[in-house]
Amino acid sequence: MKKKYWKLFSMLLLACLLALSANGCSGKEEEPEPEVEEPLYPVSIRGTEIRVGETTVQALLDAGMEVTWSEMTSDMQIEEYVVDPEMELEANSYYSGASIWVTDSTFAHISFVTDEEAIRMGDAVIARLEFGLSFNEEDKEAQSEILFDGIPVTELNREKAGEHFPDFTGDNVQWFSTGLRDYDYSMGFDSTSTELTRLSVERNYDVDWSSGS
């Protein structure tokens, strides 16, 4: 009787070993899964495309955009002036406090980042862009020339955003990306009209956040 059970046990053990071998336990390393390339949804202003994480400050200036820089003075006043592309920026640093102007009341806050060496401001890459939108009649025509992934922001209401970006999540007043490694996208909507009121695109960087402004 013991011999019979021992034979059965041996057969089961052999079957397990064969199964493990078939599943890659033969000493061969499994190949890593290829990384999925994350989408980069561009913003464009009057035909000039801005790809966060790629487009430089100089590219904005060359396109004729008005780019300003704001700083707090010693007497707690905000001083604003046109950026100087020749100004030297520190290495591995993140700078905020700049803006791209579309109209006198429509603008995008932007941040930019430097790499391993100190560079001129013109060569810094746009790291973040955020619009605050209020669709008054005076600015609506100009705002229709601001596009997010090819869609005018004046047309990108909550319903349209859900259709165009089905992988995002949120509720009736916000719609944003989740689970992405490199990029963050966020949209805010008016609770009554469902019009887009805020658009943010950001590239994540490992830099010295204490540097810059």
N, C-alpha and C. Protein backbone atom coordinates (compact mmCIF):
# COMPACT_ATOMS: atom_id res chain seq x y z
N MET A 1 0.83 -1.20 0.00
CA MET A 1 0.00 0.00 0.00
C MET A 1 0.87 1.25 0.00
N LYS A 2 1.91 1.27 0.85
CA LYS A 2 2.82 2.41 0.92
C LYS A 2 3.52 2.62 -0.41
N LYS A 3 3.85 1.55 -1.10
CA LYS A 3 4.51 1.64 -2.39
C LYS A 3 3.62 2.33 -3.41
N LYS A 4 2.30 2.05 -3.34
CA LYS A 4 1.34 2.64 -4.27
C LYS A 4 1.27 4.15 -4.05
N TYR A 5 1.20 4.57 -2.78
CA TYR A 5 1.11 5.99 -2.48
C TYR A 5 2.41 6.71 -2.87
N TRP A 6 3.52 6.07 -2.64
CA TRP A 6 4.82 6.67 -3.01
C TRP A 6 4.91 6.88 -4.52
N LYS A 7 4.39 5.96 -5.29
CA LYS A 7 4.40 6.07 -6.75
C LYS A 7 3.53 7.24 -7.19
N LEU A 8 2.35 7.39 -6.55
CA LEU A 8 1.44 8.48 -6.88
C LEU A 8 2.08 9.82 -6.55
N PHE A 9 2.74 9.90 -5.37
CA PHE A 9 3.42 11.12 -4.96
C PHE A 9 4.53 11.49 -5.94
N SER A 10 5.27 10.51 -6.41
CA SER A 10 6.37 10.75 -7.35
C SER A 10 5.84 11.31 -8.66
N MET A 11 4.68 10.78 -9.11
CA MET A 11 4.10 11.25 -10.37
C MET A 11 3.63 12.70 -10.23
N LEU A 12 3.02 13.03 -9.09
CA LEU A 12 2.56 14.40 -8.87
C LEU A 12 3.74 15.37 -8.79
N LEU A 13 4.82 14.94 -8.14
CA LEU A 13 6.01 15.78 -8.02
C LEU A 13 6.61 16.05 -9.39
N LEU A 14 6.67 15.02 -10.23
CA LEU A 14 7.21 15.16 -11.58
C LEU A 14 6.37 16.12 -12.41
N ALA A 15 5.04 16.02 -12.26
CA ALA A 15 4.13 16.91 -13.01
C ALA A 15 4.34 18.37 -12.61
N CYS A 16 4.55 18.60 -11.30
CA CYS A 16 4.78 19.96 -10.82
C CYS A 16 6.08 20.53 -11.36
N LEU A 17 7.12 19.70 -11.38
CA LEU A 17 8.41 20.15 -11.88
C LEU A 17 8.35 20.49 -13.36
N LEU A 18 7.60 19.67 -14.12
CA LEU A 18 7.45 19.95 -15.55
C LEU A 18 6.68 21.24 -15.78
N ALA A 19 5.68 21.49 -14.95
CA ALA A 19 4.89 22.72 -15.09
C ALA A 19 5.73 23.95 -14.78
N LEU A 20 6.56 23.85 -13.73
CA LEU A 20 7.43 24.97 -13.39
C LEU A 20 8.44 25.25 -14.49
N SER A 21 8.94 24.18 -15.08
CA SER A 21 9.91 24.32 -16.16
C SER A 21 9.27 24.99 -17.37
N ALA A 22 8.03 24.62 -17.67
CA ALA A 22 7.33 25.21 -18.81
C ALA A 22 7.03 26.67 -18.59
N ASN A 23 6.93 27.11 -17.34
CA ASN A 23 6.61 28.50 -17.02
C ASN A 23 7.85 29.37 -16.89
N GLY A 24 8.99 28.86 -17.31
CA GLY A 24 10.18 29.69 -17.34
C GLY A 24 11.14 29.46 -16.20
N CYS A 25 11.07 28.34 -15.52
CA CYS A 25 11.99 28.08 -14.40
C CYS A 25 13.19 27.29 -14.87
N SER A 26 13.52 27.39 -16.12
CA SER A 26 14.64 26.63 -16.64
C SER A 26 15.94 27.41 -16.57
N GLY A 27 15.91 28.58 -15.90
CA GLY A 27 17.12 29.38 -15.78
C GLY A 27 17.15 30.55 -16.74
N LYS A 28 16.21 30.62 -17.72
CA LYS A 28 16.17 31.71 -18.67
C LYS A 28 15.43 32.90 -18.03
N GLU A 29 16.00 34.11 -18.18
CA GLU A 29 15.36 35.30 -17.65
C GLU A 29 14.25 35.76 -18.58
N GLU A 30 13.14 36.16 -17.98
CA GLU A 30 12.04 36.67 -18.78
C GLU A 30 12.38 38.06 -19.30
N GLU A 31 12.02 38.34 -20.54
CA GLU A 31 12.27 39.65 -21.12
C GLU A 31 11.32 40.67 -20.50
N PRO A 32 11.84 41.85 -20.11
CA PRO A 32 10.97 42.87 -19.53
C PRO A 32 9.96 43.38 -20.55
N GLU A 33 8.77 43.71 -20.07
CA GLU A 33 7.76 44.24 -20.96
C GLU A 33 8.18 45.63 -21.45
N PRO A 34 7.97 45.92 -22.73
CA PRO A 34 8.36 47.24 -23.24
C PRO A 34 7.51 48.34 -22.59
N GLU A 35 8.16 49.49 -22.32
CA GLU A 35 7.44 50.60 -21.71
C GLU A 35 6.44 51.18 -22.70
N VAL A 36 5.26 51.48 -22.22
CA VAL A 36 4.24 52.08 -23.06
C VAL A 36 4.51 53.59 -23.14
N GLU A 37 4.60 54.10 -24.35
CA GLU A 37 4.87 55.53 -24.52
C GLU A 37 3.64 56.33 -24.12
N GLU A 38 3.84 57.30 -23.23
CA GLU A 38 2.72 58.10 -22.76
C GLU A 38 2.35 59.16 -23.79
N PRO A 39 1.06 59.48 -23.88
CA PRO A 39 0.65 60.50 -24.84
C PRO A 39 1.10 61.89 -24.41
N LEU A 40 1.49 62.71 -25.38
CA LEU A 40 1.80 64.10 -25.12
C LEU A 40 0.79 64.93 -25.89
N TYR A 41 -0.19 65.46 -25.18
CA TYR A 41 -1.23 66.26 -25.81
C TYR A 41 -0.76 67.71 -25.89
N PRO A 42 -0.60 68.25 -27.09
CA PRO A 42 -0.06 69.60 -27.24
C PRO A 42 -1.12 70.69 -27.04
N VAL A 43 -0.63 71.87 -26.70
CA VAL A 43 -1.44 73.08 -26.68
C VAL A 43 -0.93 73.97 -27.79
N SER A 44 -1.82 74.64 -28.49
CA SER A 44 -1.36 75.60 -29.49
C SER A 44 -2.06 76.93 -29.28
N ILE A 45 -1.33 78.00 -29.55
CA ILE A 45 -1.85 79.36 -29.44
C ILE A 45 -1.62 80.06 -30.76
N ARG A 46 -2.72 80.38 -31.43
CA ARG A 46 -2.65 81.05 -32.74
C ARG A 46 -1.72 80.33 -33.71
N GLY A 47 -1.81 79.01 -33.72
CA GLY A 47 -1.05 78.21 -34.67
C GLY A 47 0.33 77.79 -34.21
N THR A 48 0.79 78.31 -33.08
CA THR A 48 2.09 77.91 -32.54
C THR A 48 1.90 76.80 -31.53
N GLU A 49 2.46 75.63 -31.82
CA GLU A 49 2.29 74.46 -30.95
C GLU A 49 3.27 74.53 -29.77
N ILE A 50 2.74 74.24 -28.59
CA ILE A 50 3.56 74.16 -27.39
C ILE A 50 3.48 72.73 -26.86
N ARG A 51 4.61 72.05 -26.87
CA ARG A 51 4.68 70.69 -26.36
C ARG A 51 5.43 70.74 -25.03
N VAL A 52 4.67 70.64 -23.95
CA VAL A 52 5.27 70.72 -22.62
C VAL A 52 6.31 69.61 -22.47
N GLY A 53 7.49 69.98 -22.01
CA GLY A 53 8.59 69.03 -21.90
C GLY A 53 9.52 69.06 -23.10
N GLU A 54 9.15 69.84 -24.15
CA GLU A 54 9.97 69.91 -25.36
C GLU A 54 10.19 71.34 -25.84
N THR A 55 9.13 72.13 -25.88
CA THR A 55 9.21 73.49 -26.40
C THR A 55 10.01 74.39 -25.46
N THR A 56 10.86 75.25 -26.04
CA THR A 56 11.69 76.15 -25.23
C THR A 56 11.07 77.55 -25.15
N VAL A 57 11.58 78.31 -24.19
CA VAL A 57 11.16 79.71 -24.06
C VAL A 57 11.49 80.47 -25.33
N GLN A 58 12.65 80.19 -25.91
CA GLN A 58 13.06 80.89 -27.14
C GLN A 58 12.08 80.64 -28.27
N ALA A 59 11.54 79.43 -28.37
CA ALA A 59 10.57 79.12 -29.43
C ALA A 59 9.32 79.99 -29.29
N LEU A 60 8.91 80.26 -28.06
CA LEU A 60 7.75 81.12 -27.84
C LEU A 60 8.06 82.55 -28.28
N LEU A 61 9.24 83.04 -27.92
CA LEU A 61 9.63 84.40 -28.30
C LEU A 61 9.78 84.52 -29.82
N ASP A 62 10.35 83.50 -30.45
CA ASP A 62 10.52 83.52 -31.91
C ASP A 62 9.17 83.54 -32.63
N ALA A 63 8.14 83.00 -31.98
CA ALA A 63 6.80 82.99 -32.57
C ALA A 63 6.07 84.30 -32.32
N GLY A 64 6.74 85.25 -31.66
CA GLY A 64 6.14 86.55 -31.43
C GLY A 64 5.25 86.62 -30.21
N MET A 65 5.33 85.62 -29.33
CA MET A 65 4.49 85.63 -28.14
C MET A 65 5.06 86.58 -27.09
N GLU A 66 4.15 87.18 -26.34
CA GLU A 66 4.55 88.04 -25.23
C GLU A 66 4.72 87.18 -23.99
N VAL A 67 5.96 87.05 -23.54
CA VAL A 67 6.27 86.24 -22.36
C VAL A 67 6.83 87.16 -21.29
N THR A 68 6.19 87.18 -20.14
CA THR A 68 6.62 88.06 -19.05
C THR A 68 7.04 87.26 -17.83
N TRP A 69 7.74 87.95 -16.94
CA TRP A 69 8.23 87.35 -15.70
C TRP A 69 7.79 88.24 -14.55
N SER A 70 7.28 87.65 -13.48
CA SER A 70 6.81 88.42 -12.33
C SER A 70 7.65 88.11 -11.11
N GLU A 71 7.99 89.16 -10.35
CA GLU A 71 8.75 89.00 -9.12
C GLU A 71 8.18 89.92 -8.04
N MET A 72 8.30 89.49 -6.81
CA MET A 72 7.86 90.30 -5.68
C MET A 72 9.00 91.22 -5.25
N THR A 73 8.72 92.51 -5.15
CA THR A 73 9.74 93.47 -4.73
C THR A 73 9.86 93.49 -3.21
N SER A 74 10.85 94.23 -2.71
CA SER A 74 11.07 94.29 -1.26
C SER A 74 9.92 94.95 -0.52
N ASP A 75 9.15 95.83 -1.21
CA ASP A 75 7.99 96.46 -0.57
C ASP A 75 6.68 95.73 -0.88
N MET A 76 6.82 94.43 -1.24
CA MET A 76 5.68 93.53 -1.44
C MET A 76 4.80 93.93 -2.62
N GLN A 77 5.41 94.49 -3.65
CA GLN A 77 4.70 94.80 -4.88
C GLN A 77 5.15 93.82 -5.96
N ILE A 78 4.23 93.47 -6.87
CA ILE A 78 4.57 92.57 -7.96
C ILE A 78 5.10 93.37 -9.14
N GLU A 79 6.32 93.07 -9.54
CA GLU A 79 6.94 93.74 -10.69
C GLU A 79 6.96 92.76 -11.86
N GLU A 80 6.48 93.23 -13.00
CA GLU A 80 6.40 92.36 -14.19
C GLU A 80 7.20 92.98 -15.33
N TYR A 81 7.97 92.14 -16.02
CA TYR A 81 8.75 92.62 -17.14
C TYR A 81 8.90 91.51 -18.17
N VAL A 82 9.23 91.88 -19.40
CA VAL A 82 9.43 90.91 -20.47
C VAL A 82 10.67 90.08 -20.18
N VAL A 83 10.59 88.77 -20.41
CA VAL A 83 11.72 87.90 -20.08
C VAL A 83 12.93 88.24 -20.94
N ASP A 84 14.09 88.03 -20.37
CA ASP A 84 15.36 88.20 -21.07
C ASP A 84 15.89 86.82 -21.43
N PRO A 85 15.87 86.43 -22.71
CA PRO A 85 16.31 85.08 -23.08
C PRO A 85 17.78 84.81 -22.80
N GLU A 86 18.58 85.87 -22.59
CA GLU A 86 20.01 85.70 -22.33
C GLU A 86 20.31 85.54 -20.84
N MET A 87 19.32 85.71 -19.99
CA MET A 87 19.54 85.57 -18.55
C MET A 87 19.96 84.13 -18.23
N GLU A 88 21.00 83.97 -17.40
CA GLU A 88 21.48 82.62 -17.07
C GLU A 88 20.66 82.01 -15.94
N LEU A 89 20.28 80.76 -16.13
CA LEU A 89 19.53 80.01 -15.12
C LEU A 89 20.40 78.90 -14.55
N GLU A 90 20.14 78.55 -13.30
CA GLU A 90 20.92 77.51 -12.63
C GLU A 90 20.63 76.13 -13.22
N ALA A 91 21.58 75.21 -13.04
CA ALA A 91 21.40 73.83 -13.51
C ALA A 91 20.40 73.09 -12.61
N ASN A 92 19.74 72.10 -13.19
CA ASN A 92 18.82 71.21 -12.45
C ASN A 92 17.84 72.00 -11.57
N SER A 93 17.21 72.99 -12.17
CA SER A 93 16.32 73.85 -11.40
C SER A 93 14.98 74.04 -12.11
N TYR A 94 13.98 74.43 -11.31
CA TYR A 94 12.62 74.61 -11.78
C TYR A 94 12.21 76.05 -11.50
N TYR A 95 11.77 76.76 -12.52
CA TYR A 95 11.43 78.17 -12.39
C TYR A 95 9.95 78.39 -12.70
N SER A 96 9.27 79.11 -11.83
CA SER A 96 7.88 79.49 -12.08
C SER A 96 7.78 81.01 -11.99
N GLY A 97 6.61 81.55 -12.33
CA GLY A 97 6.43 82.99 -12.25
C GLY A 97 6.36 83.68 -13.60
N ALA A 98 6.37 82.91 -14.69
CA ALA A 98 6.28 83.49 -16.03
C ALA A 98 4.88 83.30 -16.59
N SER A 99 4.56 84.09 -17.62
CA SER A 99 3.23 84.02 -18.24
C SER A 99 3.33 84.24 -19.74
N ILE A 100 2.44 83.58 -20.49
CA ILE A 100 2.25 83.85 -21.92
C ILE A 100 0.93 84.60 -22.05
N TRP A 101 0.95 85.76 -22.72
CA TRP A 101 -0.25 86.56 -22.85
C TRP A 101 -0.90 86.36 -24.21
N VAL A 102 -2.22 86.13 -24.19
CA VAL A 102 -3.00 85.98 -25.43
C VAL A 102 -3.79 87.26 -25.68
N THR A 103 -4.48 87.75 -24.65
CA THR A 103 -5.13 89.06 -24.66
C THR A 103 -4.73 89.77 -23.37
N ASP A 104 -5.28 90.97 -23.16
CA ASP A 104 -4.96 91.70 -21.93
C ASP A 104 -5.46 90.99 -20.69
N SER A 105 -6.43 90.08 -20.86
CA SER A 105 -6.98 89.37 -19.69
C SER A 105 -6.88 87.86 -19.79
N THR A 106 -6.40 87.33 -20.91
CA THR A 106 -6.23 85.89 -21.08
C THR A 106 -4.75 85.55 -21.16
N PHE A 107 -4.30 84.68 -20.27
CA PHE A 107 -2.88 84.33 -20.25
C PHE A 107 -2.72 82.92 -19.68
N ALA A 108 -1.54 82.38 -19.87
CA ALA A 108 -1.20 81.07 -19.30
C ALA A 108 0.00 81.25 -18.38
N HIS A 109 -0.12 80.77 -17.16
CA HIS A 109 1.05 80.69 -16.28
C HIS A 109 1.95 79.57 -16.82
N ILE A 110 3.23 79.82 -16.88
CA ILE A 110 4.16 78.78 -17.32
C ILE A 110 5.31 78.65 -16.34
N SER A 111 5.87 77.45 -16.29
CA SER A 111 7.10 77.18 -15.55
C SER A 111 8.09 76.56 -16.52
N PHE A 112 9.37 76.69 -16.24
CA PHE A 112 10.36 76.04 -17.09
C PHE A 112 11.46 75.43 -16.26
N VAL A 113 12.19 74.52 -16.90
CA VAL A 113 13.14 73.68 -16.18
C VAL A 113 14.48 73.68 -16.91
N THR A 114 15.56 73.49 -16.14
CA THR A 114 16.89 73.38 -16.73
C THR A 114 17.43 71.97 -16.53
N ASP A 115 18.45 71.63 -17.31
CA ASP A 115 19.03 70.29 -17.26
C ASP A 115 20.29 70.31 -16.40
N GLU A 116 21.27 69.50 -16.76
CA GLU A 116 22.45 69.30 -15.91
C GLU A 116 23.44 70.45 -15.92
N GLU A 117 23.25 71.40 -16.82
CA GLU A 117 24.16 72.54 -16.88
C GLU A 117 23.36 73.84 -16.83
N ALA A 118 24.01 74.90 -16.33
CA ALA A 118 23.40 76.22 -16.35
C ALA A 118 23.23 76.65 -17.80
N ILE A 119 22.08 77.24 -18.12
CA ILE A 119 21.78 77.63 -19.49
C ILE A 119 21.12 79.01 -19.52
N ARG A 120 21.04 79.58 -20.71
CA ARG A 120 20.30 80.83 -20.90
C ARG A 120 18.81 80.54 -20.82
N MET A 121 18.04 81.53 -20.40
CA MET A 121 16.61 81.33 -20.23
C MET A 121 15.94 80.89 -21.53
N GLY A 122 16.42 81.41 -22.64
CA GLY A 122 15.82 81.05 -23.92
C GLY A 122 15.88 79.56 -24.21
N ASP A 123 16.86 78.86 -23.66
CA ASP A 123 17.02 77.42 -23.91
C ASP A 123 16.29 76.55 -22.89
N ALA A 124 15.68 77.17 -21.89
CA ALA A 124 14.93 76.41 -20.88
C ALA A 124 13.66 75.83 -21.50
N VAL A 125 13.30 74.64 -21.04
CA VAL A 125 12.14 73.92 -21.59
C VAL A 125 10.89 74.21 -20.75
N ILE A 126 9.77 74.41 -21.43
CA ILE A 126 8.50 74.63 -20.74
C ILE A 126 8.11 73.35 -20.01
N ALA A 127 7.95 73.44 -18.69
CA ALA A 127 7.65 72.27 -17.86
C ALA A 127 6.19 72.21 -17.45
N ARG A 128 5.54 73.37 -17.42
CA ARG A 128 4.14 73.42 -16.99
C ARG A 128 3.45 74.60 -17.64
N LEU A 129 2.18 74.41 -17.98
CA LEU A 129 1.37 75.46 -18.58
C LEU A 129 -0.03 75.37 -18.01
N GLU A 130 -0.58 76.50 -17.56
CA GLU A 130 -1.94 76.49 -17.01
C GLU A 130 -2.70 77.74 -17.42
N PHE A 131 -3.85 77.53 -18.04
CA PHE A 131 -4.74 78.62 -18.42
C PHE A 131 -5.87 78.74 -17.40
N GLY A 132 -6.22 79.97 -17.07
CA GLY A 132 -7.46 80.27 -16.38
C GLY A 132 -8.33 81.00 -17.38
N LEU A 133 -9.51 80.48 -17.70
CA LEU A 133 -10.33 81.01 -18.79
C LEU A 133 -11.65 81.56 -18.27
N SER A 134 -12.03 82.73 -18.78
CA SER A 134 -13.35 83.28 -18.51
C SER A 134 -13.88 83.76 -19.85
N PHE A 135 -14.91 83.14 -20.33
CA PHE A 135 -15.34 83.36 -21.71
C PHE A 135 -16.25 84.58 -21.85
N ASN A 136 -15.67 85.76 -21.65
CA ASN A 136 -16.43 86.96 -21.95
C ASN A 136 -16.38 87.21 -23.45
N GLU A 137 -17.34 87.96 -23.95
CA GLU A 137 -17.46 88.16 -25.39
C GLU A 137 -16.24 88.85 -25.98
N GLU A 138 -15.61 89.72 -25.20
CA GLU A 138 -14.46 90.47 -25.71
C GLU A 138 -13.29 89.55 -26.04
N ASP A 139 -13.10 88.50 -25.24
CA ASP A 139 -11.94 87.61 -25.41
C ASP A 139 -12.26 86.31 -26.13
N LYS A 140 -13.53 86.03 -26.39
CA LYS A 140 -13.91 84.71 -26.87
C LYS A 140 -13.28 84.38 -28.23
N GLU A 141 -13.22 85.36 -29.12
CA GLU A 141 -12.64 85.11 -30.44
C GLU A 141 -11.17 84.73 -30.33
N ALA A 142 -10.43 85.46 -29.48
CA ALA A 142 -9.00 85.15 -29.30
C ALA A 142 -8.83 83.80 -28.62
N GLN A 143 -9.70 83.48 -27.66
CA GLN A 143 -9.58 82.22 -26.94
C GLN A 143 -9.92 81.03 -27.83
N SER A 144 -10.67 81.25 -28.89
CA SER A 144 -10.98 80.15 -29.82
C SER A 144 -9.74 79.71 -30.58
N GLU A 145 -8.66 80.53 -30.54
CA GLU A 145 -7.41 80.17 -31.19
C GLU A 145 -6.45 79.45 -30.25
N ILE A 146 -6.93 79.15 -29.04
CA ILE A 146 -6.18 78.30 -28.12
C ILE A 146 -6.73 76.89 -28.25
N LEU A 147 -5.88 75.94 -28.63
CA LEU A 147 -6.32 74.57 -28.86
C LEU A 147 -5.63 73.62 -27.90
N PHE A 148 -6.37 72.63 -27.43
CA PHE A 148 -5.79 71.54 -26.64
C PHE A 148 -6.02 70.25 -27.39
N ASP A 149 -4.94 69.62 -27.84
CA ASP A 149 -4.98 68.43 -28.68
C ASP A 149 -5.89 68.63 -29.89
N GLY A 150 -5.79 69.82 -30.48
CA GLY A 150 -6.52 70.12 -31.71
C GLY A 150 -7.92 70.65 -31.53
N ILE A 151 -8.41 70.76 -30.29
CA ILE A 151 -9.77 71.21 -30.03
C ILE A 151 -9.74 72.62 -29.45
N PRO A 152 -10.46 73.59 -30.03
CA PRO A 152 -10.51 74.92 -29.43
C PRO A 152 -11.06 74.86 -28.01
N VAL A 153 -10.43 75.58 -27.09
CA VAL A 153 -10.86 75.51 -25.70
C VAL A 153 -12.28 76.04 -25.52
N THR A 154 -12.73 76.89 -26.45
CA THR A 154 -14.10 77.40 -26.38
C THR A 154 -15.13 76.31 -26.69
N GLU A 155 -14.68 75.21 -27.29
CA GLU A 155 -15.59 74.10 -27.62
C GLU A 155 -15.42 72.91 -26.67
N LEU A 156 -14.38 72.95 -25.85
CA LEU A 156 -14.04 71.80 -25.02
C LEU A 156 -14.81 71.85 -23.70
N ASN A 157 -16.12 71.57 -23.77
CA ASN A 157 -16.91 71.52 -22.54
C ASN A 157 -16.74 70.16 -21.86
N ARG A 158 -17.45 69.96 -20.76
CA ARG A 158 -17.27 68.73 -19.99
C ARG A 158 -17.63 67.49 -20.80
N GLU A 159 -18.70 67.56 -21.58
CA GLU A 159 -19.11 66.40 -22.37
C GLU A 159 -18.07 66.07 -23.44
N LYS A 160 -17.59 67.10 -24.13
CA LYS A 160 -16.59 66.91 -25.19
C LYS A 160 -15.29 66.34 -24.61
N ALA A 161 -14.90 66.83 -23.43
CA ALA A 161 -13.67 66.34 -22.80
C ALA A 161 -13.79 64.86 -22.47
N GLY A 162 -14.95 64.43 -21.98
CA GLY A 162 -15.15 63.02 -21.65
C GLY A 162 -15.08 62.13 -22.88
N GLU A 163 -15.57 62.63 -24.01
CA GLU A 163 -15.54 61.86 -25.26
C GLU A 163 -14.12 61.80 -25.83
N HIS A 164 -13.39 62.92 -25.76
CA HIS A 164 -12.07 62.98 -26.40
C HIS A 164 -10.99 62.33 -25.54
N PHE A 165 -11.17 62.37 -24.21
CA PHE A 165 -10.18 61.79 -23.30
C PHE A 165 -10.87 60.74 -22.42
N PRO A 166 -11.28 59.61 -23.00
CA PRO A 166 -12.05 58.61 -22.23
C PRO A 166 -11.26 57.93 -21.13
N ASP A 167 -9.91 58.01 -21.18
CA ASP A 167 -9.09 57.36 -20.15
C ASP A 167 -8.90 58.25 -18.92
N PHE A 168 -9.36 59.50 -18.98
CA PHE A 168 -9.26 60.38 -17.83
C PHE A 168 -10.37 60.03 -16.83
N THR A 169 -10.33 60.67 -15.68
CA THR A 169 -11.35 60.42 -14.67
C THR A 169 -11.73 61.74 -14.02
N GLY A 170 -12.78 61.74 -13.18
CA GLY A 170 -13.20 62.96 -12.51
C GLY A 170 -14.69 63.00 -12.26
N ASP A 171 -15.25 64.20 -12.24
CA ASP A 171 -16.68 64.36 -12.02
C ASP A 171 -17.21 65.44 -12.96
N ASN A 172 -18.32 66.09 -12.60
CA ASN A 172 -18.94 67.05 -13.51
C ASN A 172 -18.14 68.35 -13.67
N VAL A 173 -17.24 68.64 -12.74
CA VAL A 173 -16.51 69.90 -12.81
C VAL A 173 -15.00 69.72 -12.98
N GLN A 174 -14.51 68.49 -13.07
CA GLN A 174 -13.10 68.28 -13.32
C GLN A 174 -12.90 66.97 -14.10
N TRP A 175 -11.85 66.94 -14.87
CA TRP A 175 -11.52 65.78 -15.69
C TRP A 175 -10.01 65.74 -15.82
N PHE A 176 -9.38 64.67 -15.33
CA PHE A 176 -7.92 64.67 -15.24
C PHE A 176 -7.35 63.29 -15.49
N SER A 177 -6.05 63.25 -15.84
CA SER A 177 -5.35 62.00 -16.11
C SER A 177 -4.97 61.33 -14.80
N THR A 178 -4.87 60.01 -14.83
CA THR A 178 -4.39 59.25 -13.67
C THR A 178 -3.46 58.15 -14.15
N GLY A 179 -2.52 57.78 -13.31
CA GLY A 179 -1.66 56.64 -13.60
C GLY A 179 -0.55 56.91 -14.59
N LEU A 180 -0.39 58.15 -15.06
CA LEU A 180 0.69 58.44 -15.98
C LEU A 180 1.97 58.74 -15.19
N ARG A 181 3.09 58.35 -15.77
CA ARG A 181 4.38 58.50 -15.09
C ARG A 181 4.98 59.89 -15.35
N ASP A 182 4.86 60.37 -16.57
CA ASP A 182 5.59 61.57 -16.98
C ASP A 182 4.73 62.83 -17.08
N TYR A 183 3.44 62.67 -17.40
CA TYR A 183 2.61 63.85 -17.67
C TYR A 183 1.38 63.88 -16.77
N ASP A 184 0.96 65.10 -16.45
CA ASP A 184 -0.29 65.32 -15.72
C ASP A 184 -1.15 66.30 -16.52
N TYR A 185 -2.41 65.91 -16.76
CA TYR A 185 -3.36 66.76 -17.47
C TYR A 185 -4.56 66.99 -16.56
N SER A 186 -5.03 68.22 -16.53
CA SER A 186 -6.17 68.53 -15.67
C SER A 186 -7.03 69.62 -16.30
N MET A 187 -8.36 69.42 -16.24
CA MET A 187 -9.31 70.40 -16.76
C MET A 187 -10.37 70.68 -15.72
N GLY A 188 -10.77 71.94 -15.62
CA GLY A 188 -11.85 72.32 -14.71
C GLY A 188 -12.97 72.97 -15.50
N PHE A 189 -14.22 72.76 -15.08
CA PHE A 189 -15.38 73.24 -15.83
C PHE A 189 -16.35 74.00 -14.93
N ASP A 190 -17.05 74.96 -15.53
CA ASP A 190 -18.09 75.68 -14.81
C ASP A 190 -19.24 74.72 -14.51
N SER A 191 -19.73 74.73 -13.28
CA SER A 191 -20.75 73.77 -12.87
C SER A 191 -22.10 74.00 -13.55
N THR A 192 -22.33 75.21 -14.05
CA THR A 192 -23.61 75.53 -14.70
C THR A 192 -23.53 75.40 -16.21
N SER A 193 -22.58 76.10 -16.82
CA SER A 193 -22.48 76.10 -18.29
C SER A 193 -21.69 74.91 -18.82
N THR A 194 -20.90 74.24 -17.97
CA THR A 194 -19.98 73.13 -18.29
C THR A 194 -18.84 73.58 -19.21
N GLU A 195 -18.65 74.89 -19.42
CA GLU A 195 -17.53 75.38 -20.21
C GLU A 195 -16.21 75.17 -19.48
N LEU A 196 -15.15 75.02 -20.25
CA LEU A 196 -13.81 74.86 -19.69
C LEU A 196 -13.36 76.17 -19.06
N THR A 197 -12.94 76.13 -17.81
CA THR A 197 -12.45 77.33 -17.12
C THR A 197 -10.98 77.23 -16.72
N ARG A 198 -10.43 76.02 -16.71
CA ARG A 198 -9.03 75.84 -16.33
C ARG A 198 -8.44 74.66 -17.08
N LEU A 199 -7.23 74.85 -17.60
CA LEU A 199 -6.52 73.79 -18.32
C LEU A 199 -5.08 73.78 -17.85
N SER A 200 -4.60 72.61 -17.42
CA SER A 200 -3.24 72.48 -16.93
C SER A 200 -2.56 71.28 -17.57
N VAL A 201 -1.35 71.51 -18.08
CA VAL A 201 -0.51 70.44 -18.64
C VAL A 201 0.85 70.53 -17.98
N GLU A 202 1.34 69.41 -17.44
CA GLU A 202 2.60 69.44 -16.70
C GLU A 202 3.43 68.20 -16.98
N ARG A 203 4.73 68.41 -17.15
CA ARG A 203 5.70 67.32 -17.29
C ARG A 203 6.41 67.19 -15.95
N ASN A 204 6.51 65.98 -15.44
CA ASN A 204 7.15 65.75 -14.14
C ASN A 204 8.67 65.63 -14.29
N TYR A 205 9.38 66.35 -13.41
CA TYR A 205 10.84 66.37 -13.45
C TYR A 205 11.42 66.12 -12.05
N ASP A 206 12.60 65.54 -12.03
CA ASP A 206 13.34 65.36 -10.78
C ASP A 206 14.40 66.46 -10.71
N VAL A 207 14.00 67.60 -10.14
CA VAL A 207 14.90 68.76 -10.11
C VAL A 207 14.89 69.37 -8.71
N ASP A 208 15.73 70.39 -8.54
CA ASP A 208 15.81 71.11 -7.26
C ASP A 208 14.67 72.13 -7.19
N TRP A 209 13.59 71.77 -6.49
CA TRP A 209 12.42 72.63 -6.42
C TRP A 209 12.68 73.89 -5.60
N SER A 210 13.75 73.92 -4.82
CA SER A 210 14.03 75.11 -4.02
C SER A 210 14.71 76.20 -4.83
N SER A 211 15.16 75.86 -6.04
CA SER A 211 15.80 76.86 -6.90
C SER A 211 14.74 77.59 -7.71
N GLY A 212 15.15 78.62 -8.40
CA GLY A 212 14.22 79.37 -9.23
C GLY A 212 13.31 80.23 -8.39
N SER A 213 12.14 80.54 -8.94
CA SER A 213 11.21 81.40 -8.24
C SER A 213 9.93 80.68 -7.95
